[in-house]
Each structure stands twice: as C-alpha cells, then as structure tokens.
Amino acid sequence: MRTRDFSRAPAQARAGAMFIGGTRYTNPLVLLRLAPSWFRMLRDMRRMNGYCWHTVYWQFPLTLGTIAFFTDRDAMLRFARTRHHRRLMLWLTDGTRNATAGFIRLYTASPDGYSNGTWRAEGTEMGHIDTFTPLGAETTGPAVRR
C-alpha cells in the first residue's frame, strides 16, 4: 500500500535521514580502547532531538559499522558536530594506528513509501499495490502480475 503517512510505523520508518558508516580497525585491542568513547558518543546520540533509531553491524575480521536514523538531515548533521563524535573521529583518523579504512554515506528519505497492516496509518489492511512505482523515465509503472 503506497503511503506518505508513517505515523504508526517503527521509528526507522518515520525517519527522514539515514547515516551508514563503517570502520576497519587495526586490531582487536583498538576495539577495547574504542569502547568508552563509543558509549559516550552513543549516549549523546540517543539524547539528541531528532534521533530515531540505530543499529551496529560487524563484518569479519575487524570492521564495525553503524546505521542510524534521524528525523531529518539537519538533526543528523547536528549530531556530527557533537563533542564526543568529533573526538572519536579525530582518534579514528589519527594516521593508521587505530583504523585503516572507513566510509560514511548520508541518505534522505523520499516522502513516498509503502506500509501494511498495523503499521499502516490509513487503516490496518494488508494488501499489494496494483502497479509498480514508475522508474525515472516512466510516467506510470507496469502492472504487478500475481
């Protein structure tokens, strides 16, 4: 069901901006040294206006990443300016002692999307869409064949 109302959906569905990042650390000991700073930064993030939700992922052997959702891009960028985040970024990018690689991607959500069942603000029905969302060059999407 197409929608623009995500008021009954989980926090990550209501977010307008998403951060995804990953860091490859040099060794397991660095991860232990990271922990106190990371928990302080996480505490700041959770307390901020505009924070919605986050999760952490692990990729073998030494990559940790974060996916975080915020109400909007400004809230996400305000978090990047916090004291603990800045200190952690300085520590990570101090040569190659602590980390050997990293990336950050910032995304913003389109107002349009899909919801079903109890997460659907317009009702609680479960259902399929009749046509796919049009691609950039299309005016209407093709019919969904069941």
N, C-alpha and C. Protein backbone atom coordinates (compact mmCIF):
# COMPACT_ATOMS: atom_id res chain seq x y z
N MET A 1 0.84 -1.16 0.00
CA MET A 1 0.00 0.00 0.00
C MET A 1 0.89 1.24 0.00
N ARG A 2 0.75 2.08 -0.98
CA ARG A 2 1.53 3.31 -1.03
C ARG A 2 1.05 4.27 0.05
N THR A 3 1.99 5.02 0.61
CA THR A 3 1.60 5.96 1.67
C THR A 3 2.61 7.09 1.78
N ARG A 4 2.18 8.16 2.42
CA ARG A 4 3.05 9.24 2.87
C ARG A 4 2.94 9.41 4.37
N ASP A 5 2.14 8.58 5.02
CA ASP A 5 1.92 8.69 6.46
C ASP A 5 2.51 7.47 7.17
N PHE A 6 3.63 7.68 7.83
CA PHE A 6 4.31 6.60 8.53
C PHE A 6 4.17 6.73 10.05
N SER A 7 3.12 7.44 10.49
CA SER A 7 2.96 7.74 11.92
C SER A 7 2.78 6.49 12.78
N ARG A 8 2.31 5.39 12.22
CA ARG A 8 2.13 4.17 13.01
C ARG A 8 3.26 3.17 12.79
N ALA A 9 4.21 3.53 11.96
CA ALA A 9 5.34 2.64 11.64
C ALA A 9 6.44 2.81 12.69
N PRO A 10 7.39 1.88 12.74
CA PRO A 10 8.52 1.99 13.68
C PRO A 10 9.34 3.26 13.43
N ALA A 11 10.14 3.62 14.40
CA ALA A 11 10.92 4.86 14.36
C ALA A 11 11.75 4.98 13.08
N GLN A 12 12.37 3.90 12.65
CA GLN A 12 13.22 3.99 11.46
C GLN A 12 12.42 4.28 10.20
N ALA A 13 11.14 3.92 10.16
CA ALA A 13 10.29 4.24 9.01
C ALA A 13 9.88 5.70 9.02
N ARG A 14 9.81 6.32 10.19
CA ARG A 14 9.43 7.72 10.29
C ARG A 14 10.60 8.66 10.04
N ALA A 15 11.80 8.14 9.99
CA ALA A 15 12.99 8.97 9.82
C ALA A 15 13.04 9.59 8.43
N GLY A 16 13.63 10.77 8.36
CA GLY A 16 13.81 11.44 7.09
C GLY A 16 15.23 11.38 6.58
N ALA A 17 16.16 10.92 7.43
CA ALA A 17 17.57 10.85 7.03
C ALA A 17 18.21 9.61 7.65
N MET A 18 19.14 9.03 6.90
CA MET A 18 19.84 7.84 7.37
C MET A 18 21.34 7.99 7.15
N PHE A 19 22.09 7.54 8.14
CA PHE A 19 23.55 7.50 8.10
C PHE A 19 23.95 6.04 8.06
N ILE A 20 24.90 5.71 7.19
CA ILE A 20 25.54 4.40 7.26
C ILE A 20 27.04 4.62 7.16
N GLY A 21 27.75 3.97 8.04
CA GLY A 21 29.20 4.12 8.04
C GLY A 21 29.86 2.84 8.51
N GLY A 22 31.10 2.69 8.18
CA GLY A 22 31.86 1.53 8.62
C GLY A 22 33.31 1.90 8.79
N THR A 23 33.96 1.24 9.74
CA THR A 23 35.38 1.48 10.02
C THR A 23 36.08 0.14 10.15
N ARG A 24 37.21 -0.02 9.47
CA ARG A 24 38.05 -1.21 9.63
C ARG A 24 39.15 -0.86 10.63
N TYR A 25 39.12 -1.53 11.75
CA TYR A 25 40.07 -1.27 12.83
C TYR A 25 41.33 -2.09 12.64
N THR A 26 42.42 -1.64 13.25
CA THR A 26 43.72 -2.29 13.02
C THR A 26 43.88 -3.60 13.78
N ASN A 27 43.28 -3.72 14.96
CA ASN A 27 43.40 -4.96 15.74
C ASN A 27 42.33 -4.98 16.83
N PRO A 28 42.11 -6.14 17.44
CA PRO A 28 41.06 -6.24 18.47
C PRO A 28 41.30 -5.34 19.69
N LEU A 29 42.54 -5.09 20.03
CA LEU A 29 42.85 -4.24 21.18
C LEU A 29 42.32 -2.81 20.97
N VAL A 30 42.39 -2.33 19.75
CA VAL A 30 41.87 -1.00 19.42
C VAL A 30 40.37 -0.92 19.72
N LEU A 31 39.65 -2.01 19.45
CA LEU A 31 38.21 -2.04 19.74
C LEU A 31 37.94 -1.88 21.24
N LEU A 32 38.79 -2.46 22.05
CA LEU A 32 38.64 -2.30 23.50
C LEU A 32 38.91 -0.85 23.93
N ARG A 33 39.91 -0.24 23.32
CA ARG A 33 40.20 1.18 23.63
C ARG A 33 39.09 2.10 23.13
N LEU A 34 38.44 1.69 22.05
CA LEU A 34 37.35 2.47 21.48
C LEU A 34 36.11 2.50 22.36
N ALA A 35 35.84 1.42 23.05
CA ALA A 35 34.56 1.22 23.75
C ALA A 35 34.11 2.40 24.63
N PRO A 36 34.93 2.91 25.55
CA PRO A 36 34.43 4.00 26.41
C PRO A 36 34.00 5.24 25.61
N SER A 37 34.79 5.64 24.63
CA SER A 37 34.44 6.80 23.81
C SER A 37 33.19 6.54 23.00
N TRP A 38 33.08 5.33 22.47
CA TRP A 38 31.93 4.99 21.65
C TRP A 38 30.65 5.03 22.47
N PHE A 39 30.68 4.52 23.69
CA PHE A 39 29.48 4.53 24.53
C PHE A 39 29.08 5.95 24.93
N ARG A 40 30.06 6.82 25.16
CA ARG A 40 29.74 8.23 25.44
C ARG A 40 29.09 8.89 24.23
N MET A 41 29.64 8.62 23.04
CA MET A 41 29.07 9.17 21.83
C MET A 41 27.65 8.64 21.60
N LEU A 42 27.46 7.37 21.84
CA LEU A 42 26.14 6.76 21.68
C LEU A 42 25.13 7.38 22.64
N ARG A 43 25.54 7.64 23.86
CA ARG A 43 24.66 8.29 24.85
C ARG A 43 24.24 9.66 24.34
N ASP A 44 25.18 10.43 23.80
CA ASP A 44 24.86 11.74 23.23
C ASP A 44 23.85 11.61 22.09
N MET A 45 24.08 10.66 21.22
CA MET A 45 23.21 10.49 20.06
C MET A 45 21.78 10.15 20.50
N ARG A 46 21.62 9.23 21.43
CA ARG A 46 20.29 8.83 21.89
C ARG A 46 19.53 9.98 22.55
N ARG A 47 20.24 10.91 23.16
CA ARG A 47 19.61 12.03 23.86
C ARG A 47 19.25 13.18 22.93
N MET A 48 19.76 13.19 21.74
CA MET A 48 19.56 14.32 20.83
C MET A 48 18.14 14.39 20.29
N ASN A 49 17.65 15.63 20.12
CA ASN A 49 16.41 15.81 19.38
C ASN A 49 16.68 15.39 17.95
N GLY A 50 15.77 14.63 17.40
CA GLY A 50 15.93 14.20 16.02
C GLY A 50 16.46 12.79 15.86
N TYR A 51 16.96 12.18 16.94
CA TYR A 51 17.42 10.80 16.87
C TYR A 51 16.21 9.88 16.81
N CYS A 52 16.22 8.89 15.92
CA CYS A 52 15.12 7.93 15.81
C CYS A 52 15.51 6.52 16.26
N TRP A 53 16.64 6.01 15.74
CA TRP A 53 16.98 4.60 15.96
C TRP A 53 18.35 4.34 15.36
N HIS A 54 19.03 3.31 15.85
CA HIS A 54 20.30 2.91 15.23
C HIS A 54 20.53 1.42 15.46
N THR A 55 21.45 0.89 14.70
CA THR A 55 21.93 -0.47 14.91
C THR A 55 23.41 -0.51 14.52
N VAL A 56 24.09 -1.54 14.97
CA VAL A 56 25.52 -1.71 14.69
C VAL A 56 25.69 -3.02 13.94
N TYR A 57 26.58 -3.04 12.98
CA TYR A 57 26.86 -4.28 12.26
C TYR A 57 28.35 -4.60 12.33
N TRP A 58 28.67 -5.88 12.15
CA TRP A 58 30.03 -6.39 12.19
C TRP A 58 30.32 -7.09 10.87
N GLN A 59 31.51 -6.83 10.32
CA GLN A 59 31.94 -7.54 9.12
C GLN A 59 33.34 -8.07 9.39
N PHE A 60 33.52 -9.37 9.26
CA PHE A 60 34.79 -10.02 9.54
C PHE A 60 35.89 -9.44 8.66
N PRO A 61 37.08 -9.21 9.19
CA PRO A 61 37.53 -9.57 10.52
C PRO A 61 37.43 -8.43 11.53
N LEU A 62 37.61 -7.17 11.12
CA LEU A 62 37.68 -6.08 12.10
C LEU A 62 36.89 -4.84 11.69
N THR A 63 35.80 -5.01 10.98
CA THR A 63 35.00 -3.86 10.57
C THR A 63 33.74 -3.77 11.42
N LEU A 64 33.53 -2.61 12.02
CA LEU A 64 32.30 -2.29 12.73
C LEU A 64 31.65 -1.13 12.02
N GLY A 65 30.34 -1.19 11.93
CA GLY A 65 29.63 -0.11 11.27
C GLY A 65 28.38 0.27 12.02
N THR A 66 27.84 1.43 11.68
CA THR A 66 26.62 1.92 12.29
C THR A 66 25.65 2.35 11.21
N ILE A 67 24.38 2.04 11.43
CA ILE A 67 23.29 2.55 10.62
C ILE A 67 22.41 3.32 11.59
N ALA A 68 22.22 4.61 11.34
CA ALA A 68 21.46 5.46 12.27
C ALA A 68 20.42 6.27 11.50
N PHE A 69 19.28 6.45 12.12
CA PHE A 69 18.16 7.17 11.52
C PHE A 69 17.84 8.41 12.34
N PHE A 70 17.59 9.51 11.64
CA PHE A 70 17.26 10.79 12.27
C PHE A 70 16.01 11.36 11.61
N THR A 71 15.34 12.28 12.30
CA THR A 71 14.12 12.86 11.74
C THR A 71 14.39 13.60 10.45
N ASP A 72 15.56 14.25 10.35
CA ASP A 72 15.89 14.98 9.13
C ASP A 72 17.41 15.12 9.01
N ARG A 73 17.84 15.63 7.88
CA ARG A 73 19.28 15.77 7.61
C ARG A 73 19.95 16.71 8.60
N ASP A 74 19.29 17.80 8.97
CA ASP A 74 19.88 18.73 9.93
C ASP A 74 20.15 18.07 11.27
N ALA A 75 19.23 17.24 11.75
CA ALA A 75 19.44 16.54 13.02
C ALA A 75 20.65 15.61 12.92
N MET A 76 20.78 14.94 11.79
CA MET A 76 21.92 14.05 11.57
C MET A 76 23.23 14.84 11.56
N LEU A 77 23.24 15.97 10.88
CA LEU A 77 24.46 16.78 10.79
C LEU A 77 24.77 17.47 12.12
N ARG A 78 23.74 17.80 12.91
CA ARG A 78 24.00 18.34 14.25
C ARG A 78 24.71 17.32 15.12
N PHE A 79 24.31 16.06 14.98
CA PHE A 79 24.99 15.01 15.74
C PHE A 79 26.47 14.94 15.38
N ALA A 80 26.80 15.10 14.11
CA ALA A 80 28.20 15.04 13.68
C ALA A 80 29.05 16.12 14.34
N ARG A 81 28.42 17.19 14.80
CA ARG A 81 29.15 18.29 15.44
C ARG A 81 29.32 18.12 16.95
N THR A 82 28.76 17.07 17.52
CA THR A 82 28.85 16.90 18.97
C THR A 82 30.28 16.63 19.40
N ARG A 83 30.57 16.98 20.63
CA ARG A 83 31.92 16.86 21.19
C ARG A 83 32.45 15.43 21.12
N HIS A 84 31.68 14.46 21.58
CA HIS A 84 32.17 13.08 21.60
C HIS A 84 32.33 12.50 20.19
N HIS A 85 31.47 12.88 19.27
CA HIS A 85 31.62 12.41 17.89
C HIS A 85 32.89 12.98 17.27
N ARG A 86 33.10 14.27 17.46
CA ARG A 86 34.32 14.89 16.90
C ARG A 86 35.58 14.24 17.47
N ARG A 87 35.60 14.03 18.79
CA ARG A 87 36.79 13.40 19.41
C ARG A 87 37.02 12.00 18.86
N LEU A 88 35.96 11.24 18.71
CA LEU A 88 36.10 9.89 18.19
C LEU A 88 36.61 9.90 16.75
N MET A 89 36.12 10.81 15.93
CA MET A 89 36.58 10.90 14.54
C MET A 89 38.06 11.30 14.47
N LEU A 90 38.48 12.21 15.34
CA LEU A 90 39.90 12.57 15.39
C LEU A 90 40.75 11.36 15.78
N TRP A 91 40.30 10.60 16.74
CA TRP A 91 41.02 9.41 17.19
C TRP A 91 41.11 8.37 16.06
N LEU A 92 40.01 8.19 15.34
CA LEU A 92 39.99 7.20 14.26
C LEU A 92 40.90 7.57 13.10
N THR A 93 40.96 8.85 12.79
CA THR A 93 41.71 9.28 11.61
C THR A 93 43.12 9.75 11.93
N ASP A 94 43.64 9.37 13.08
CA ASP A 94 44.99 9.72 13.51
C ASP A 94 45.98 8.75 12.87
N GLY A 95 46.23 8.93 11.60
CA GLY A 95 47.13 8.02 10.88
C GLY A 95 46.46 6.67 10.70
N THR A 96 47.25 5.59 10.81
CA THR A 96 46.68 4.25 10.68
C THR A 96 46.89 3.43 11.95
N ARG A 97 47.09 4.11 13.08
CA ARG A 97 47.26 3.40 14.35
C ARG A 97 46.00 2.69 14.79
N ASN A 98 44.84 3.33 14.61
CA ASN A 98 43.59 2.80 15.13
C ASN A 98 42.69 2.20 14.06
N ALA A 99 42.72 2.77 12.87
CA ALA A 99 41.87 2.29 11.79
C ALA A 99 42.61 2.40 10.47
N THR A 100 42.26 1.51 9.53
CA THR A 100 42.92 1.52 8.23
C THR A 100 41.99 1.92 7.09
N ALA A 101 40.68 1.99 7.37
CA ALA A 101 39.73 2.36 6.33
C ALA A 101 38.41 2.76 6.97
N GLY A 102 37.64 3.53 6.24
CA GLY A 102 36.33 3.89 6.74
C GLY A 102 35.52 4.58 5.66
N PHE A 103 34.21 4.61 5.83
CA PHE A 103 33.35 5.33 4.91
C PHE A 103 32.12 5.82 5.65
N ILE A 104 31.49 6.83 5.09
CA ILE A 104 30.23 7.38 5.58
C ILE A 104 29.38 7.69 4.36
N ARG A 105 28.10 7.31 4.42
CA ARG A 105 27.13 7.69 3.39
C ARG A 105 25.92 8.29 4.09
N LEU A 106 25.39 9.35 3.51
CA LEU A 106 24.22 10.04 4.06
C LEU A 106 23.08 9.93 3.06
N TYR A 107 21.91 9.55 3.54
CA TYR A 107 20.74 9.39 2.68
C TYR A 107 19.56 10.17 3.24
N THR A 108 18.70 10.64 2.36
CA THR A 108 17.45 11.26 2.79
C THR A 108 16.30 10.46 2.21
N ALA A 109 15.21 10.42 2.95
CA ALA A 109 14.06 9.61 2.55
C ALA A 109 13.11 10.41 1.68
N SER A 110 12.60 9.75 0.68
CA SER A 110 11.52 10.30 -0.13
C SER A 110 10.26 10.30 0.74
N PRO A 111 9.36 11.24 0.55
CA PRO A 111 8.14 11.24 1.36
C PRO A 111 7.24 10.04 1.05
N ASP A 112 7.40 9.46 -0.13
CA ASP A 112 6.56 8.33 -0.53
C ASP A 112 7.18 7.02 -0.09
N GLY A 113 6.33 6.06 0.20
CA GLY A 113 6.80 4.74 0.56
C GLY A 113 5.65 3.75 0.63
N TYR A 114 5.83 2.69 1.38
CA TYR A 114 4.86 1.61 1.45
C TYR A 114 4.70 1.17 2.90
N SER A 115 3.49 0.79 3.28
CA SER A 115 3.24 0.24 4.60
C SER A 115 2.08 -0.73 4.52
N ASN A 116 1.99 -1.62 5.48
CA ASN A 116 0.93 -2.63 5.51
C ASN A 116 0.54 -2.94 6.94
N GLY A 117 -0.66 -3.43 7.12
CA GLY A 117 -1.12 -3.94 8.41
C GLY A 117 -1.13 -2.89 9.51
N THR A 118 -0.68 -3.27 10.70
CA THR A 118 -0.74 -2.37 11.85
C THR A 118 0.16 -1.15 11.68
N TRP A 119 1.09 -1.19 10.73
CA TRP A 119 1.96 -0.03 10.50
C TRP A 119 1.33 0.95 9.53
N ARG A 120 0.19 0.62 8.99
CA ARG A 120 -0.48 1.47 8.01
C ARG A 120 -1.37 2.48 8.73
N ALA A 121 -1.08 3.77 8.57
CA ALA A 121 -1.82 4.82 9.27
C ALA A 121 -3.23 4.99 8.73
N GLU A 122 -3.43 4.68 7.45
CA GLU A 122 -4.75 4.90 6.83
C GLU A 122 -5.73 3.78 7.13
N GLY A 123 -5.31 2.72 7.74
CA GLY A 123 -6.15 1.56 8.04
C GLY A 123 -5.25 0.42 8.47
N THR A 124 -5.80 -0.75 8.68
CA THR A 124 -4.97 -1.88 9.11
C THR A 124 -4.93 -3.00 8.08
N GLU A 125 -5.42 -2.73 6.87
CA GLU A 125 -5.46 -3.79 5.86
C GLU A 125 -4.06 -4.12 5.35
N MET A 126 -3.94 -5.37 4.96
CA MET A 126 -2.74 -5.83 4.29
C MET A 126 -3.09 -5.92 2.81
N GLY A 127 -2.19 -5.50 1.94
CA GLY A 127 -2.51 -5.56 0.52
C GLY A 127 -1.32 -5.28 -0.35
N HIS A 128 -1.51 -5.56 -1.62
CA HIS A 128 -0.47 -5.32 -2.63
C HIS A 128 -0.83 -4.08 -3.42
N ILE A 129 0.18 -3.49 -4.04
CA ILE A 129 -0.06 -2.38 -4.97
C ILE A 129 -0.43 -2.96 -6.32
N ASP A 130 -1.20 -2.20 -7.09
CA ASP A 130 -1.63 -2.68 -8.41
C ASP A 130 -0.58 -2.43 -9.49
N THR A 131 0.22 -1.36 -9.31
CA THR A 131 1.26 -1.04 -10.29
C THR A 131 2.57 -0.76 -9.55
N PHE A 132 3.66 -1.11 -10.17
CA PHE A 132 4.97 -0.79 -9.61
C PHE A 132 5.17 0.73 -9.64
N THR A 133 6.01 1.24 -8.77
CA THR A 133 6.37 2.65 -8.80
C THR A 133 7.13 2.93 -10.09
N PRO A 134 6.78 4.01 -10.79
CA PRO A 134 7.46 4.29 -12.07
C PRO A 134 8.95 4.57 -11.88
N LEU A 135 9.74 4.13 -12.84
CA LEU A 135 11.15 4.47 -12.89
C LEU A 135 11.28 5.90 -13.39
N GLY A 136 12.47 6.45 -13.37
CA GLY A 136 12.68 7.84 -13.76
C GLY A 136 12.13 8.22 -15.12
N ALA A 137 12.21 7.35 -16.09
CA ALA A 137 11.76 7.66 -17.44
C ALA A 137 10.29 7.29 -17.68
N GLU A 138 9.62 6.70 -16.70
CA GLU A 138 8.24 6.26 -16.88
C GLU A 138 7.27 7.26 -16.24
N THR A 139 6.08 7.35 -16.80
CA THR A 139 5.03 8.17 -16.16
C THR A 139 4.18 7.32 -15.24
N THR A 140 3.99 6.05 -15.59
CA THR A 140 3.30 5.09 -14.73
C THR A 140 4.07 3.79 -14.75
N GLY A 141 4.03 3.07 -13.65
CA GLY A 141 4.72 1.79 -13.59
C GLY A 141 3.89 0.68 -14.19
N PRO A 142 4.51 -0.41 -14.57
CA PRO A 142 3.77 -1.53 -15.13
C PRO A 142 2.91 -2.21 -14.07
N ALA A 143 1.92 -2.93 -14.50
CA ALA A 143 1.03 -3.66 -13.59
C ALA A 143 1.81 -4.75 -12.86
N VAL A 144 1.44 -4.96 -11.61
CA VAL A 144 2.02 -6.07 -10.82
C VAL A 144 1.24 -7.32 -11.19
N ARG A 145 1.96 -8.33 -11.67
CA ARG A 145 1.31 -9.61 -12.02
C ARG A 145 1.41 -10.53 -10.83
N ARG A 146 0.29 -11.08 -10.43
CA ARG A 146 0.30 -12.01 -9.29
C ARG A 146 0.24 -13.43 -9.77
